[in-house]
Amino acid sequence: MSLSAIEIQIQEALAKADEWVALLATYSDARLDKKLSINRTQQVMAAEQKEEKAWEFLKIMEEIIIHARVYKDENNIADMVDELEEGIKDVETYIQLPEVRQEIFTDTPTNQPTKRNLIKEDDKDQLSLF
């Protein structure tokens, strides 16, 4: 008997709860509040649609988020750098890299022979290469 996707998610949440609590504890309080709010909205929707397994998973996630908040407060864990700031850094790096590449490709050395200079119009030995 194979497990459904939601059953696998439930098992993973239970198995990795401690890891997830530790990770979530590095999030800002505002971010945890938002996660908890979204989770509770999803729980209501799952209950309305009679999705018992989905509701069970969301209930586990709610407990993990709450435990993370308590763990954060009890251990004075500092906030992790916001993902948005990290994303902006990645975008800035991505934008800067092509600019650097552009400079490399547009700066052609003048002392290098060009393809046209390498071909001699009257040289019959060149044909022997083909």
Protein backbone atom coordinates (compact mmCIF):
# COMPACT_ATOMS: atom_id res chain seq x y z
CA MET A 1 0.00 0.00 0.00
CA SER A 2 1.48 3.33 -1.03
CA LEU A 3 1.05 6.50 0.95
CA SER A 4 -0.62 9.59 -0.44
CA ALA A 5 1.37 12.79 -0.78
CA ILE A 6 -0.27 14.33 2.27
CA GLU A 7 0.48 11.24 4.36
CA ILE A 8 4.13 11.51 3.36
CA GLN A 9 4.10 15.19 4.36
CA ILE A 10 2.61 14.26 7.74
CA GLN A 11 5.32 11.66 8.33
CA GLU A 12 8.03 14.12 7.29
CA ALA A 13 6.65 16.84 9.56
CA LEU A 14 6.62 14.47 12.51
CA ALA A 15 10.11 13.15 11.75
CA LYS A 16 11.68 16.56 11.18
CA ALA A 17 9.72 18.60 13.71
CA ASP A 18 12.79 19.41 15.81
CA GLU A 19 14.75 20.58 12.75
CA TRP A 20 11.85 22.72 11.57
CA VAL A 21 11.38 24.25 15.03
CA ALA A 22 15.07 25.21 15.09
CA LEU A 23 14.86 26.72 11.61
CA LEU A 24 11.62 28.58 12.22
CA ALA A 25 13.01 29.97 15.48
CA THR A 26 15.43 32.02 13.38
CA TYR A 27 12.54 33.78 11.61
CA SER A 28 11.34 37.18 12.75
CA ASP A 29 8.25 37.38 14.94
CA ALA A 30 6.37 39.10 12.14
CA ARG A 31 7.24 36.31 9.74
CA LEU A 32 6.16 33.65 12.24
CA ASP A 33 2.89 35.53 12.82
CA LYS A 34 2.26 35.56 9.08
CA LYS A 35 3.03 31.82 8.77
CA LEU A 36 0.69 31.04 11.66
CA SER A 37 -2.06 33.20 10.20
CA ILE A 38 -1.79 31.57 6.76
CA ASN A 39 -1.70 28.12 8.36
CA ARG A 40 -4.88 28.81 10.33
CA THR A 41 -6.65 30.09 7.22
CA GLN A 42 -5.66 26.89 5.42
CA GLN A 43 -6.95 24.82 8.36
CA VAL A 44 -10.35 26.46 8.05
CA MET A 45 -10.41 25.73 4.33
CA ALA A 46 -9.36 22.11 4.87
CA ALA A 47 -12.12 21.67 7.48
CA GLU A 48 -14.74 23.20 5.15
CA GLN A 49 -13.66 20.88 2.33
CA LYS A 50 -13.60 17.90 4.71
CA GLU A 51 -9.92 17.22 3.94
CA GLU A 52 -9.07 15.39 7.15
CA LYS A 53 -5.48 14.51 6.25
CA ALA A 54 -4.73 18.05 5.09
CA TRP A 55 -6.21 19.43 8.30
CA GLU A 56 -4.09 16.97 10.32
CA PHE A 57 -0.92 18.11 8.51
CA LEU A 58 -1.79 21.78 9.04
CA LYS A 59 -2.46 21.13 12.73
CA ILE A 60 1.01 19.57 13.06
CA MET A 61 2.53 22.56 11.29
CA GLU A 62 0.66 24.93 13.60
CA GLU A 63 2.16 23.15 16.59
CA ILE A 64 5.64 23.33 15.03
CA ILE A 65 5.29 27.09 14.43
CA ILE A 66 4.05 27.69 17.98
CA HIS A 67 6.90 25.58 19.42
CA ALA A 68 9.34 27.59 17.30
CA ARG A 69 8.03 30.86 18.75
CA VAL A 70 8.34 29.55 22.30
CA TYR A 71 11.82 28.14 21.59
CA LYS A 72 12.88 31.47 20.07
CA ASP A 73 11.68 33.43 23.13
CA GLU A 74 13.15 31.04 25.68
CA ASN A 75 16.56 30.93 24.02
CA ASN A 76 16.77 34.54 22.74
CA ILE A 77 17.47 33.40 19.19
CA ALA A 78 18.34 36.20 16.80
CA ASP A 79 16.42 36.67 13.58
CA MET A 80 17.90 35.17 10.44
CA VAL A 81 18.55 37.49 7.49
CA ASP A 82 15.29 37.99 5.69
CA GLU A 83 14.87 35.93 2.50
CA LEU A 84 13.79 39.05 0.63
CA GLU A 85 17.10 40.74 1.40
CA GLU A 86 18.94 37.60 0.28
CA GLY A 87 16.89 37.54 -2.92
CA ILE A 88 17.75 41.16 -3.62
CA LYS A 89 21.45 40.36 -3.19
CA ASP A 90 21.11 37.49 -5.66
CA VAL A 91 19.37 39.74 -8.19
CA GLU A 92 22.03 42.43 -7.77
CA THR A 93 24.75 39.84 -8.33
CA TYR A 94 22.95 38.49 -11.40
CA ILE A 95 22.62 41.99 -12.85
CA GLN A 96 26.27 42.84 -12.18
CA LEU A 97 27.70 39.66 -13.69
CA PRO A 98 26.36 40.27 -17.21
CA GLU A 99 27.68 43.85 -17.04
CA VAL A 100 31.15 42.53 -16.27
CA ARG A 101 30.85 40.00 -19.08
CA GLN A 102 29.72 42.73 -21.44
CA GLU A 103 32.87 44.71 -20.71
CA ILE A 104 35.02 41.69 -21.44
CA PHE A 105 33.36 40.93 -24.77
CA THR A 106 33.20 44.52 -26.01
CA ASP A 107 36.86 45.26 -25.22
CA THR A 108 38.64 43.62 -28.14
CA PRO A 109 42.40 43.95 -28.29
CA THR A 110 43.58 45.92 -31.30
CA ASN A 111 46.87 44.07 -31.72
CA GLN A 112 45.17 40.70 -32.30
CA PRO A 113 44.88 39.64 -35.92
CA THR A 114 41.33 39.47 -37.17
CA LYS A 115 39.94 36.61 -39.22
CA ARG A 116 40.08 38.73 -42.33
CA ASN A 117 43.80 39.41 -41.82
CA LEU A 118 44.56 35.69 -41.54
CA ILE A 119 43.09 34.86 -44.95
CA LYS A 120 45.35 35.63 -47.86
CA GLU A 121 43.45 36.07 -51.07
CA ASP A 122 46.18 34.84 -53.43
CA ASP A 123 47.67 32.05 -51.32
CA LYS A 124 47.11 28.71 -53.10
CA ASP A 125 48.57 26.74 -50.19
CA GLN A 126 45.51 27.59 -48.16
CA LEU A 127 43.34 25.53 -50.47
CA SER A 128 45.40 22.46 -49.78
CA LEU A 129 44.10 22.50 -46.22
CA PHE A 130 40.59 21.71 -47.41
